[in-house]
């Protein structure tokens, strides 16, 4: 797993690469917990992700929910690559389904099509 951050003012850009799988879940959780700091917007670029499993899908969803509750804006970039789309589908997260009565503003699997 490769995680890189770049900060510019109140914006943080995160580039994720390699496998986001159970072996990396603890590191990803710690990273996502620490990445926001005083940022108001967090851009997460998933273009370099080569594999993702349910554990890391759930961690990214949890981060999205937490950021949303804390009025921080999490913005997904390249979230609909073949790797991500296939993993979401295999996990049962279709484009028609959201997990809460009030989904996050930028739901990972629902996107802007809500």
PDB file of N, CA and C in Angstrom:
ATOM      1  N   UNK A   1       0.855  -1.170   0.000  1.00  0.00           N
ATOM      2  CA  UNK A   1       0.000   0.000   0.000  1.00  0.00           C
ATOM      3  C   UNK A   1       0.897   1.228   0.000  1.00  0.00           C
ATOM      4  N   UNK A   2       0.545   2.177  -0.819  1.00  0.00           N
ATOM      5  CA  UNK A   2       1.300   3.415  -0.928  1.00  0.00           C
ATOM      6  C   UNK A   2       0.361   4.585  -0.643  1.00  0.00           C
ATOM      7  N   UNK A   3       0.702   5.401   0.345  1.00  0.00           N
ATOM      8  CA  UNK A   3      -0.113   6.550   0.728  1.00  0.00           C
ATOM      9  C   UNK A   3       0.755   7.792   0.698  1.00  0.00           C
ATOM     10  N   UNK A   4       0.344   8.775  -0.075  1.00  0.00           N
ATOM     11  CA  UNK A   4       1.082  10.032  -0.155  1.00  0.00           C
ATOM     12  C   UNK A   4       0.118  11.185   0.093  1.00  0.00           C
ATOM     13  N   UNK A   5       0.589  12.186   0.831  1.00  0.00           N
ATOM     14  CA  UNK A   5      -0.246  13.362   1.081  1.00  0.00           C
ATOM     15  C   UNK A   5       0.475  14.616   0.626  1.00  0.00           C
ATOM     16  N   UNK A   6      -0.346  15.576   0.266  1.00  0.00           N
ATOM     17  CA  UNK A   6       0.138  16.890  -0.143  1.00  0.00           C
ATOM     18  C   UNK A   6      -0.829  17.904   0.446  1.00  0.00           C
ATOM     19  N   UNK A   7      -0.295  18.890   1.133  1.00  0.00           N
ATOM     20  CA  UNK A   7      -1.161  19.880   1.767  1.00  0.00           C
ATOM     21  C   UNK A   7      -0.984  21.238   1.094  1.00  0.00           C
ATOM     22  N   UNK A   8      -2.104  21.908   0.878  1.00  0.00           N
ATOM     23  CA  UNK A   8      -2.101  23.250   0.312  1.00  0.00           C
ATOM     24  C   UNK A   8      -3.195  24.044   1.014  1.00  0.00           C
ATOM     25  N   UNK A   9      -2.804  24.913   1.927  1.00  0.00           N
ATOM     26  CA  UNK A   9      -3.785  25.679   2.694  1.00  0.00           C
ATOM     27  C   UNK A   9      -4.641  24.762   3.533  1.00  0.00           C
ATOM     28  N   UNK A  10      -5.955  24.839   3.344  1.00  0.00           N
ATOM     29  CA  UNK A  10      -6.877  24.002   4.112  1.00  0.00           C
ATOM     30  C   UNK A  10      -7.298  22.752   3.337  1.00  0.00           C
ATOM     31  N   UNK A  11      -6.544  22.402   2.299  1.00  0.00           N
ATOM     32  CA  UNK A  11      -6.847  21.233   1.472  1.00  0.00           C
ATOM     33  C   UNK A  11      -5.714  20.217   1.561  1.00  0.00           C
ATOM     34  N   UNK A  12      -6.083  18.956   1.716  1.00  0.00           N
ATOM     35  CA  UNK A  12      -5.121  17.856   1.695  1.00  0.00           C
ATOM     36  C   UNK A  12      -5.486  16.942   0.534  1.00  0.00           C
ATOM     37  N   UNK A  13      -4.483  16.574  -0.259  1.00  0.00           N
ATOM     38  CA  UNK A  13      -4.675  15.610  -1.328  1.00  0.00           C
ATOM     39  C   UNK A  13      -3.964  14.327  -0.927  1.00  0.00           C
ATOM     40  N   UNK A  14      -4.681  13.224  -1.013  1.00  0.00           N
ATOM     41  CA  UNK A  14      -4.152  11.910  -0.672  1.00  0.00           C
ATOM     42  C   UNK A  14      -4.153  11.070  -1.941  1.00  0.00           C
ATOM     43  N   UNK A  15      -3.002  10.482  -2.244  1.00  0.00           N
ATOM     44  CA  UNK A  15      -2.922   9.556  -3.374  1.00  0.00           C
ATOM     45  C   UNK A  15      -2.684   8.170  -2.800  1.00  0.00           C
ATOM     46  N   UNK A  16      -3.596   7.260  -3.132  1.00  0.00           N
ATOM     47  CA  UNK A  16      -3.490   5.886  -2.662  1.00  0.00           C
ATOM     48  C   UNK A  16      -3.102   4.994  -3.823  1.00  0.00           C
ATOM     49  N   UNK A  17      -2.207   4.048  -3.535  1.00  0.00           N
ATOM     50  CA  UNK A  17      -1.773   3.130  -4.572  1.00  0.00           C
ATOM     51  C   UNK A  17      -1.514   1.748  -4.018  1.00  0.00           C
ATOM     52  N   UNK A  18      -1.409   0.796  -4.922  1.00  0.00           N
ATOM     53  CA  UNK A  18      -1.166  -0.583  -4.532  1.00  0.00           C
ATOM     54  C   UNK A  18      -2.409  -1.224  -3.951  1.00  0.00           C
ATOM     55  N   UNK A  19      -2.229  -2.333  -3.233  1.00  0.00           N
ATOM     56  CA  UNK A  19      -3.381  -3.034  -2.676  1.00  0.00           C
ATOM     57  C   UNK A  19      -3.876  -2.396  -1.391  1.00  0.00           C
ATOM     58  N   UNK A  20      -5.180  -2.224  -1.292  1.00  0.00           N
ATOM     59  CA  UNK A  20      -5.838  -1.801  -0.057  1.00  0.00           C
ATOM     60  C   UNK A  20      -6.621  -3.016   0.422  1.00  0.00           C
ATOM     61  N   UNK A  21      -5.925  -3.866   1.138  1.00  0.00           N
ATOM     62  CA  UNK A  21      -6.502  -5.136   1.565  1.00  0.00           C
ATOM     63  C   UNK A  21      -6.310  -5.312   3.065  1.00  0.00           C
ATOM     64  N   UNK A  22      -6.883  -6.373   3.603  1.00  0.00           N
ATOM     65  CA  UNK A  22      -6.922  -6.608   5.044  1.00  0.00           C
ATOM     66  C   UNK A  22      -5.540  -6.486   5.685  1.00  0.00           C
ATOM     67  N   UNK A  23      -4.495  -6.861   4.978  1.00  0.00           N
ATOM     68  CA  UNK A  23      -3.145  -6.764   5.519  1.00  0.00           C
ATOM     69  C   UNK A  23      -2.760  -5.324   5.835  1.00  0.00           C
ATOM     70  N   UNK A  24      -3.405  -4.379   5.169  1.00  0.00           N
ATOM     71  CA  UNK A  24      -3.076  -2.964   5.308  1.00  0.00           C
ATOM     72  C   UNK A  24      -4.149  -2.175   6.059  1.00  0.00           C
ATOM     73  N   UNK A  25      -5.177  -2.854   6.539  1.00  0.00           N
ATOM     74  CA  UNK A  25      -6.330  -2.172   7.139  1.00  0.00           C
ATOM     75  C   UNK A  25      -5.951  -1.326   8.356  1.00  0.00           C
ATOM     76  N   UNK A  26      -5.130  -1.838   9.244  1.00  0.00           N
ATOM     77  CA  UNK A  26      -4.756  -1.076  10.450  1.00  0.00           C
ATOM     78  C   UNK A  26      -3.993   0.193  10.078  1.00  0.00           C
ATOM     79  N   UNK A  27      -3.074   0.066   9.138  1.00  0.00           N
ATOM     80  CA  UNK A  27      -2.302   1.234   8.688  1.00  0.00           C
ATOM     81  C   UNK A  27      -3.227   2.253   8.015  1.00  0.00           C
ATOM     82  N   UNK A  28      -4.154   1.767   7.195  1.00  0.00           N
ATOM     83  CA  UNK A  28      -5.090   2.667   6.516  1.00  0.00           C
ATOM     84  C   UNK A  28      -5.977   3.390   7.520  1.00  0.00           C
ATOM     85  N   UNK A  29      -6.444   2.668   8.528  1.00  0.00           N
ATOM     86  CA  UNK A  29      -7.295   3.285   9.551  1.00  0.00           C
ATOM     87  C   UNK A  29      -6.553   4.402  10.276  1.00  0.00           C
ATOM     88  N   UNK A  30      -5.338   4.128  10.706  1.00  0.00           N
ATOM     89  CA  UNK A  30      -4.527   5.142  11.382  1.00  0.00           C
ATOM     90  C   UNK A  30      -4.276   6.331  10.467  1.00  0.00           C
ATOM     91  N   UNK A  31      -3.934   6.046   9.232  1.00  0.00           N
ATOM     92  CA  UNK A  31      -3.656   7.107   8.262  1.00  0.00           C
ATOM     93  C   UNK A  31      -4.873   8.000   8.064  1.00  0.00           C
ATOM     94  N   UNK A  32      -6.044   7.400   7.833  1.00  0.00           N
ATOM     95  CA  UNK A  32      -7.248   8.188   7.586  1.00  0.00           C
ATOM     96  C   UNK A  32      -7.671   8.967   8.830  1.00  0.00           C
ATOM     97  N   UNK A  33      -7.402   8.421  10.009  1.00  0.00           N
ATOM     98  CA  UNK A  33      -7.725   9.130  11.250  1.00  0.00           C
ATOM     99  C   UNK A  33      -6.865  10.374  11.421  1.00  0.00           C
ATOM    100  N   UNK A  34      -5.646  10.313  10.927  1.00  0.00           N
ATOM    101  CA  UNK A  34      -4.699  11.414  11.115  1.00  0.00           C
ATOM    102  C   UNK A  34      -4.652  12.407   9.959  1.00  0.00           C
ATOM    103  N   UNK A  35      -5.174  12.039   8.802  1.00  0.00           N
ATOM    104  CA  UNK A  35      -4.969  12.848   7.600  1.00  0.00           C
ATOM    105  C   UNK A  35      -5.717  14.184   7.614  1.00  0.00           C
ATOM    106  N   UNK A  36      -6.840  14.248   8.265  1.00  0.00           N
ATOM    107  CA  UNK A  36      -7.652  15.465   8.141  1.00  0.00           C
ATOM    108  C   UNK A  36      -7.073  16.654   8.892  1.00  0.00           C
ATOM    109  N   UNK A  37      -6.595  16.429  10.115  1.00  0.00           N
ATOM    110  CA  UNK A  37      -6.021  17.536  10.885  1.00  0.00           C
ATOM    111  C   UNK A  37      -6.890  18.770  10.824  1.00  0.00           C
ATOM    112  N   UNK A  38      -6.322  19.866  10.371  1.00  0.00           N
ATOM    113  CA  UNK A  38      -7.078  21.112  10.261  1.00  0.00           C
ATOM    114  C   UNK A  38      -7.591  21.348   8.839  1.00  0.00           C
ATOM    115  N   UNK A  39      -7.536  20.321   7.989  1.00  0.00           N
ATOM    116  CA  UNK A  39      -8.007  20.463   6.610  1.00  0.00           C
ATOM    117  C   UNK A  39      -9.527  20.564   6.570  1.00  0.00           C
ATOM    118  N   UNK A  40     -10.012  21.354   5.654  1.00  0.00           N
ATOM    119  CA  UNK A  40     -11.453  21.458   5.424  1.00  0.00           C
ATOM    120  C   UNK A  40     -11.889  20.560   4.274  1.00  0.00           C
ATOM    121  N   UNK A  41     -10.987  20.340   3.321  1.00  0.00           N
ATOM    122  CA  UNK A  41     -11.260  19.470   2.179  1.00  0.00           C
ATOM    123  C   UNK A  41     -10.154  18.435   2.074  1.00  0.00           C
ATOM    124  N   UNK A  42     -10.559  17.200   1.829  1.00  0.00           N
ATOM    125  CA  UNK A  42      -9.615  16.111   1.635  1.00  0.00           C
ATOM    126  C   UNK A  42      -9.955  15.448   0.310  1.00  0.00           C
ATOM    127  N   UNK A  43      -9.042  15.523  -0.642  1.00  0.00           N
ATOM    128  CA  UNK A  43      -9.199  14.859  -1.929  1.00  0.00           C
ATOM    129  C   UNK A  43      -8.498  13.509  -1.821  1.00  0.00           C
ATOM    130  N   UNK A  44      -9.205  12.440  -2.126  1.00  0.00           N
ATOM    131  CA  UNK A  44      -8.620  11.102  -2.089  1.00  0.00           C
ATOM    132  C   UNK A  44      -8.633  10.537  -3.506  1.00  0.00           C
ATOM    133  N   UNK A  45      -7.430  10.373  -4.067  1.00  0.00           N
ATOM    134  CA  UNK A  45      -7.272   9.856  -5.421  1.00  0.00           C
ATOM    135  C   UNK A  45      -6.995   8.357  -5.344  1.00  0.00           C
ATOM    136  N   UNK A  46      -7.906   7.563  -5.869  1.00  0.00           N
ATOM    137  CA  UNK A  46      -7.813   6.111  -5.809  1.00  0.00           C
ATOM    138  C   UNK A  46      -7.279   5.490  -7.104  1.00  0.00           C
ATOM    139  N   UNK A  47      -6.762   6.308  -8.001  1.00  0.00           N
ATOM    140  CA  UNK A  47      -6.346   5.833  -9.317  1.00  0.00           C
ATOM    141  C   UNK A  47      -5.268   4.754  -9.243  1.00  0.00           C
ATOM    142  N   UNK A  48      -4.380   4.830  -8.272  1.00  0.00           N
ATOM    143  CA  UNK A  48      -3.284   3.868  -8.185  1.00  0.00           C
ATOM    144  C   UNK A  48      -3.608   2.589  -7.442  1.00  0.00           C
ATOM    145  N   UNK A  49      -4.851   2.434  -6.989  1.00  0.00           N
ATOM    146  CA  UNK A  49      -5.241   1.246  -6.229  1.00  0.00           C
ATOM    147  C   UNK A  49      -5.304   0.044  -7.176  1.00  0.00           C
ATOM    148  N   UNK A  50      -4.560  -1.004  -6.826  1.00  0.00           N
ATOM    149  CA  UNK A  50      -4.509  -2.200  -7.669  1.00  0.00           C
ATOM    150  C   UNK A  50      -5.432  -3.303  -7.177  1.00  0.00           C
ATOM    151  N   UNK A  51      -5.859  -3.228  -5.919  1.00  0.00           N
ATOM    152  CA  UNK A  51      -6.776  -4.206  -5.343  1.00  0.00           C
ATOM    153  C   UNK A  51      -7.382  -3.574  -4.095  1.00  0.00           C
ATOM    154  N   UNK A  52      -8.624  -3.896  -3.813  1.00  0.00           N
ATOM    155  CA  UNK A  52      -9.278  -3.410  -2.598  1.00  0.00           C
ATOM    156  C   UNK A  52     -10.262  -4.477  -2.145  1.00  0.00           C
ATOM    157  N   UNK A  53     -10.308  -4.695  -0.844  1.00  0.00           N
ATOM    158  CA  UNK A  53     -11.249  -5.676  -0.320  1.00  0.00           C
ATOM    159  C   UNK A  53     -12.252  -5.002   0.608  1.00  0.00           C
ATOM    160  N   UNK A  54     -13.179  -5.806   1.123  1.00  0.00           N
ATOM    161  CA  UNK A  54     -14.272  -5.277   1.925  1.00  0.00           C
ATOM    162  C   UNK A  54     -13.776  -4.533   3.162  1.00  0.00           C
ATOM    163  N   UNK A  55     -12.716  -5.005   3.787  1.00  0.00           N
ATOM    164  CA  UNK A  55     -12.223  -4.336   4.999  1.00  0.00           C
ATOM    165  C   UNK A  55     -11.835  -2.890   4.714  1.00  0.00           C
ATOM    166  N   UNK A  56     -11.154  -2.656   3.613  1.00  0.00           N
ATOM    167  CA  UNK A  56     -10.723  -1.290   3.296  1.00  0.00           C
ATOM    168  C   UNK A  56     -11.850  -0.461   2.686  1.00  0.00           C
ATOM    169  N   UNK A  57     -12.781  -1.101   1.995  1.00  0.00           N
ATOM    170  CA  UNK A  57     -13.981  -0.388   1.532  1.00  0.00           C
ATOM    171  C   UNK A  57     -14.714   0.162   2.746  1.00  0.00           C
ATOM    172  N   UNK A  58     -14.879  -0.673   3.779  1.00  0.00           N
ATOM    173  CA  UNK A  58     -15.566  -0.236   4.989  1.00  0.00           C
ATOM    174  C   UNK A  58     -14.801   0.878   5.701  1.00  0.00           C
ATOM    175  N   UNK A  59     -13.478   0.804   5.724  1.00  0.00           N
ATOM    176  CA  UNK A  59     -12.676   1.866   6.348  1.00  0.00           C
ATOM    177  C   UNK A  59     -12.836   3.191   5.606  1.00  0.00           C
ATOM    178  N   UNK A  60     -12.833   3.144   4.278  1.00  0.00           N
ATOM    179  CA  UNK A  60     -13.006   4.377   3.503  1.00  0.00           C
ATOM    180  C   UNK A  60     -14.408   4.940   3.707  1.00  0.00           C
ATOM    181  N   UNK A  61     -15.402   4.068   3.795  1.00  0.00           N
ATOM    182  CA  UNK A  61     -16.766   4.518   4.065  1.00  0.00           C
ATOM    183  C   UNK A  61     -16.848   5.161   5.445  1.00  0.00           C
ATOM    184  N   UNK A  62     -16.234   4.529   6.425  1.00  0.00           N
ATOM    185  CA  UNK A  62     -16.237   5.063   7.787  1.00  0.00           C
ATOM    186  C   UNK A  62     -15.550   6.428   7.840  1.00  0.00           C
ATOM    187  N   UNK A  63     -14.433   6.560   7.138  1.00  0.00           N
ATOM    188  CA  UNK A  63     -13.739   7.853   7.077  1.00  0.00           C
ATOM    189  C   UNK A  63     -14.639   8.903   6.444  1.00  0.00           C
ATOM    190  N   UNK A  64     -15.312   8.526   5.380  1.00  0.00           N
ATOM    191  CA  UNK A  64     -16.218   9.446   4.701  1.00  0.00           C
ATOM    192  C   UNK A  64     -17.326   9.908   5.646  1.00  0.00           C
ATOM    193  N   UNK A  65     -17.901   8.977   6.373  1.00  0.00           N
ATOM    194  CA  UNK A  65     -18.966   9.288   7.326  1.00  0.00           C
ATOM    195  C   UNK A  65     -18.449  10.200   8.447  1.00  0.00           C
ATOM    196  N   UNK A  66     -17.280   9.888   8.975  1.00  0.00           N
ATOM    197  CA  UNK A  66     -16.687  10.707  10.042  1.00  0.00           C
ATOM    198  C   UNK A  66     -16.383  12.115   9.565  1.00  0.00           C
ATOM    199  N   UNK A  67     -15.795  12.225   8.384  1.00  0.00           N
ATOM    200  CA  UNK A  67     -15.478  13.551   7.851  1.00  0.00           C
ATOM    201  C   UNK A  67     -16.751  14.349   7.624  1.00  0.00           C
ATOM    202  N   UNK A  68     -17.775  13.674   7.095  1.00  0.00           N
ATOM    203  CA  UNK A  68     -19.055  14.336   6.838  1.00  0.00           C
ATOM    204  C   UNK A  68     -19.655  14.862   8.143  1.00  0.00           C
ATOM    205  N   UNK A  69     -19.630  14.047   9.194  1.00  0.00           N
ATOM    206  CA  UNK A  69     -20.162  14.468  10.493  1.00  0.00           C
ATOM    207  C   UNK A  69     -19.377  15.635  11.084  1.00  0.00           C
ATOM    208  N   UNK A  70     -18.087  15.707  10.782  1.00  0.00           N
ATOM    209  CA  UNK A  70     -17.232  16.785  11.284  1.00  0.00           C
ATOM    210  C   UNK A  70     -17.173  17.979  10.329  1.00  0.00           C
ATOM    211  N   UNK A  71     -18.096  17.965   9.372  1.00  0.00           N
ATOM    212  CA  UNK A  71     -18.222  19.056   8.390  1.00  0.00           C
ATOM    213  C   UNK A  71     -16.941  19.288   7.603  1.00  0.00           C
ATOM    214  N   UNK A  72     -16.273  18.203   7.316  1.00  0.00           N
ATOM    215  CA  UNK A  72     -15.118  18.249   6.428  1.00  0.00           C
ATOM    216  C   UNK A  72     -15.560  17.606   5.125  1.00  0.00           C
ATOM    217  N   UNK A  73     -15.004  18.067   4.064  1.00  0.00           N
ATOM    218  CA  UNK A  73     -15.442  17.594   2.753  1.00  0.00           C
ATOM    219  C   UNK A  73     -14.443  16.576   2.210  1.00  0.00           C
ATOM    220  N   UNK A  74     -14.871  15.341   2.057  1.00  0.00           N
ATOM    221  CA  UNK A  74     -14.056  14.287   1.470  1.00  0.00           C
ATOM    222  C   UNK A  74     -14.492  14.122   0.028  1.00  0.00           C
ATOM    223  N   UNK A  75     -13.560  14.266  -0.880  1.00  0.00           N
ATOM    224  CA  UNK A  75     -13.869  14.234  -2.305  1.00  0.00           C
ATOM    225  C   UNK A  75     -13.096  13.080  -2.939  1.00  0.00           C
ATOM    226  N   UNK A  76     -13.826  12.150  -3.528  1.00  0.00           N
ATOM    227  CA  UNK A  76     -13.212  10.995  -4.166  1.00  0.00           C
ATOM    228  C   UNK A  76     -12.812  11.340  -5.586  1.00  0.00           C
ATOM    229  N   UNK A  77     -11.603  10.971  -5.952  1.00  0.00           N
ATOM    230  CA  UNK A  77     -11.134  11.107  -7.329  1.00  0.00           C
ATOM    231  C   UNK A  77     -10.802   9.713  -7.838  1.00  0.00           C
ATOM    232  N   UNK A  78     -11.207   9.438  -9.043  1.00  0.00           N
ATOM    233  CA  UNK A  78     -10.941   8.141  -9.667  1.00  0.00           C
ATOM    234  C   UNK A  78     -11.492   6.987  -8.833  1.00  0.00           C
ATOM    235  N   UNK A  79     -12.681   7.180  -8.292  1.00  0.00           N
ATOM    236  CA  UNK A  79     -13.303   6.159  -7.454  1.00  0.00           C
ATOM    237  C   UNK A  79     -14.056   5.113  -8.271  1.00  0.00           C
ATOM    238  N   UNK A  80     -14.117   5.290  -9.556  1.00  0.00           N
ATOM    239  CA  UNK A  80     -14.884   4.355 -10.371  1.00  0.00           C
ATOM    240  C   UNK A  80     -14.007   3.673 -11.414  1.00  0.00           C
ATOM    241  N   UNK A  81     -12.780   3.338 -10.980  1.00  0.00           N
ATOM    242  CA  UNK A  81     -11.914   2.538 -11.833  1.00  0.00           C
ATOM    243  C   UNK A  81     -12.467   1.119 -11.876  1.00  0.00           C
ATOM    244  N   UNK A  82     -11.980   0.309 -12.786  1.00  0.00           N
ATOM    245  CA  UNK A  82     -12.443  -1.082 -12.874  1.00  0.00           C
ATOM    246  C   UNK A  82     -12.192  -1.833 -11.569  1.00  0.00           C
ATOM    247  N   UNK A  83     -11.048  -1.582 -10.934  1.00  0.00           N
ATOM    248  CA  UNK A  83     -10.703  -2.261  -9.684  1.00  0.00           C
ATOM    249  C   UNK A  83     -11.719  -1.922  -8.590  1.00  0.00           C
ATOM    250  N   UNK A  84     -12.004  -0.637  -8.421  1.00  0.00           N
ATOM    251  CA  UNK A  84     -12.926  -0.202  -7.372  1.00  0.00           C
ATOM    252  C   UNK A  84     -14.348  -0.668  -7.681  1.00  0.00           C
ATOM    253  N   UNK A  85     -14.789  -0.470  -8.901  1.00  0.00           N
ATOM    254  CA  UNK A  85     -16.150  -0.850  -9.297  1.00  0.00           C
ATOM    255  C   UNK A  85     -16.375  -2.345  -9.119  1.00  0.00           C
ATOM    256  N   UNK A  86     -15.400  -3.154  -9.524  1.00  0.00           N
ATOM    257  CA  UNK A  86     -15.519  -4.612  -9.377  1.00  0.00           C
ATOM    258  C   UNK A  86     -15.597  -5.001  -7.908  1.00  0.00           C
ATOM    259  N   UNK A  87     -14.733  -4.426  -7.076  1.00  0.00           N
ATOM    260  CA  UNK A  87     -14.724  -4.759  -5.642  1.00  0.00           C
ATOM    261  C   UNK A  87     -16.036  -4.359  -4.973  1.00  0.00           C
ATOM    262  N   UNK A  88     -16.557  -3.189  -5.320  1.00  0.00           N
ATOM    263  CA  UNK A  88     -17.834  -2.746  -4.743  1.00  0.00           C
ATOM    264  C   UNK A  88     -18.959  -3.693  -5.148  1.00  0.00           C
ATOM    265  N   UNK A  89     -18.962  -4.086  -6.408  1.00  0.00           N
ATOM    266  CA  UNK A  89     -19.989  -4.994  -6.905  1.00  0.00           C
ATOM    267  C   UNK A  89     -19.891  -6.357  -6.213  1.00  0.00           C
ATOM    268  N   UNK A  90     -18.671  -6.886  -6.086  1.00  0.00           N
ATOM    269  CA  UNK A  90     -18.479  -8.184  -5.434  1.00  0.00           C
ATOM    270  C   UNK A  90     -18.878  -8.138  -3.959  1.00  0.00           C
ATOM    271  N   UNK A  91     -18.744  -6.962  -3.339  1.00  0.00           N
ATOM    272  CA  UNK A  91     -19.116  -6.801  -1.932  1.00  0.00           C
ATOM    273  C   UNK A  91     -20.614  -6.539  -1.767  1.00  0.00           C
ATOM    274  N   UNK A  92     -21.322  -6.373  -2.882  1.00  0.00           N
ATOM    275  CA  UNK A  92     -22.765  -6.159  -2.826  1.00  0.00           C
ATOM    276  C   UNK A  92     -23.178  -4.703  -2.774  1.00  0.00           C
ATOM    277  N   UNK A  93     -22.230  -3.800  -2.982  1.00  0.00           N
ATOM    278  CA  UNK A  93     -22.542  -2.375  -2.980  1.00  0.00           C
ATOM    279  C   UNK A  93     -22.785  -1.919  -4.409  1.00  0.00           C
ATOM    280  N   UNK A  94     -24.049  -1.901  -4.780  1.00  0.00           N
ATOM    281  CA  UNK A  94     -24.393  -1.482  -6.129  1.00  0.00           C
ATOM    282  C   UNK A  94     -24.641   0.018  -6.155  1.00  0.00           C
ATOM    283  N   UNK A  95     -24.688   0.594  -7.310  1.00  0.00           N
ATOM    284  CA  UNK A  95     -24.888   2.034  -7.477  1.00  0.00           C
ATOM    285  C   UNK A  95     -26.272   2.463  -6.990  1.00  0.00           C
ATOM    286  N   UNK A  96     -27.185   1.528  -6.773  1.00  0.00           N
ATOM    287  CA  UNK A  96     -28.530   1.881  -6.336  1.00  0.00           C
ATOM    288  C   UNK A  96     -28.691   1.846  -4.820  1.00  0.00           C
ATOM    289  N   UNK A  97     -27.688   1.388  -4.110  1.00  0.00           N
ATOM    290  CA  UNK A  97     -27.811   1.150  -2.671  1.00  0.00           C
ATOM    291  C   UNK A  97     -26.953   2.126  -1.881  1.00  0.00           C
ATOM    292  N   UNK A  98     -27.508   2.692  -0.833  1.00  0.00           N
ATOM    293  CA  UNK A  98     -26.721   3.467   0.127  1.00  0.00           C
ATOM    294  C   UNK A  98     -26.931   2.844   1.497  1.00  0.00           C
ATOM    295  N   UNK A  99     -26.024   3.110   2.422  1.00  0.00           N
ATOM    296  CA  UNK A  99     -26.051   2.381   3.688  1.00  0.00           C
ATOM    297  C   UNK A  99     -26.778   3.105   4.816  1.00  0.00           C
ATOM    298  N   UNK A 100     -27.165   4.345   4.635  1.00  0.00           N
ATOM    299  CA  UNK A 100     -27.800   5.106   5.713  1.00  0.00           C
ATOM    300  C   UNK A 100     -29.050   5.810   5.189  1.00  0.00           C
ATOM    301  N   UNK A 101     -29.929   6.174   6.112  1.00  0.00           N
ATOM    302  CA  UNK A 101     -31.098   6.965   5.721  1.00  0.00           C
ATOM    303  C   UNK A 101     -30.666   8.310   5.161  1.00  0.00           C
ATOM    304  N   UNK A 102     -29.583   8.848   5.725  1.00  0.00           N
ATOM    305  CA  UNK A 102     -29.033  10.116   5.247  1.00  0.00           C
ATOM    306  C   UNK A 102     -27.598   9.865   4.811  1.00  0.00           C
ATOM    307  N   UNK A 103     -27.403   9.443   3.556  1.00  0.00           N
ATOM    308  CA  UNK A 103     -26.057   9.102   3.100  1.00  0.00           C
ATOM    309  C   UNK A 103     -25.129  10.311   3.088  1.00  0.00           C
ATOM    310  N   UNK A 104     -23.848  10.024   3.132  1.00  0.00           N
ATOM    311  CA  UNK A 104     -22.840  11.078   3.068  1.00  0.00           C
ATOM    312  C   UNK A 104     -23.026  11.875   1.774  1.00  0.00           C
ATOM    313  N   UNK A 105     -22.579  13.106   1.815  1.00  0.00           N
ATOM    314  CA  UNK A 105     -22.715  13.959   0.637  1.00  0.00           C
ATOM    315  C   UNK A 105     -21.955  13.398  -0.562  1.00  0.00           C
ATOM    316  N   UNK A 106     -20.887  12.675  -0.313  1.00  0.00           N
ATOM    317  CA  UNK A 106     -20.066  12.149  -1.399  1.00  0.00           C
ATOM    318  C   UNK A 106     -19.846  10.652  -1.189  1.00  0.00           C
ATOM    319  N   UNK A 107     -20.920   9.893  -1.218  1.00  0.00           N
ATOM    320  CA  UNK A 107     -20.876   8.454  -0.979  1.00  0.00           C
ATOM    321  C   UNK A 107     -19.964   7.770  -1.996  1.00  0.00           C
ATOM    322  N   UNK A 108     -19.076   6.919  -1.489  1.00  0.00           N
ATOM    323  CA  UNK A 108     -18.103   6.236  -2.340  1.00  0.00           C
ATOM    324  C   UNK A 108     -18.759   5.411  -3.435  1.00  0.00           C
ATOM    325  N   UNK A 109     -19.801   4.640  -3.096  1.00  0.00           N
ATOM    326  CA  UNK A 109     -20.389   3.784  -4.120  1.00  0.00           C
ATOM    327  C   UNK A 109     -21.617   4.374  -4.772  1.00  0.00           C
ATOM    328  N   UNK A 110     -22.176   5.395  -4.238  1.00  0.00           N
ATOM    329  CA  UNK A 110     -23.328   6.011  -4.893  1.00  0.00           C
ATOM    330  C   UNK A 110     -22.907   7.172  -5.770  1.00  0.00           C
ATOM    331  N   UNK A 111     -21.822   7.849  -5.410  1.00  0.00           N
ATOM    332  CA  UNK A 111     -21.319   8.946  -6.215  1.00  0.00           C
ATOM    333  C   UNK A 111     -22.269  10.122  -6.242  1.00  0.00           C
ATOM    334  N   UNK A 112     -22.167  10.917  -7.287  1.00  0.00           N
ATOM    335  CA  UNK A 112     -22.986  12.112  -7.417  1.00  0.00           C
ATOM    336  C   UNK A 112     -24.343  11.833  -8.046  1.00  0.00           C
ATOM    337  N   UNK A 113     -24.651  10.566  -8.270  1.00  0.00           N
ATOM    338  CA  UNK A 113     -25.876  10.215  -8.989  1.00  0.00           C
ATOM    339  C   UNK A 113     -27.075  10.044  -8.078  1.00  0.00           C
ATOM    340  N   UNK A 114     -26.951  10.351  -6.767  1.00  0.00           N
ATOM    341  CA  UNK A 114     -28.062  10.171  -5.831  1.00  0.00           C
ATOM    342  C   UNK A 114     -29.234  11.032  -6.189  1.00  0.00           C
TER     343      UNK A 114
END
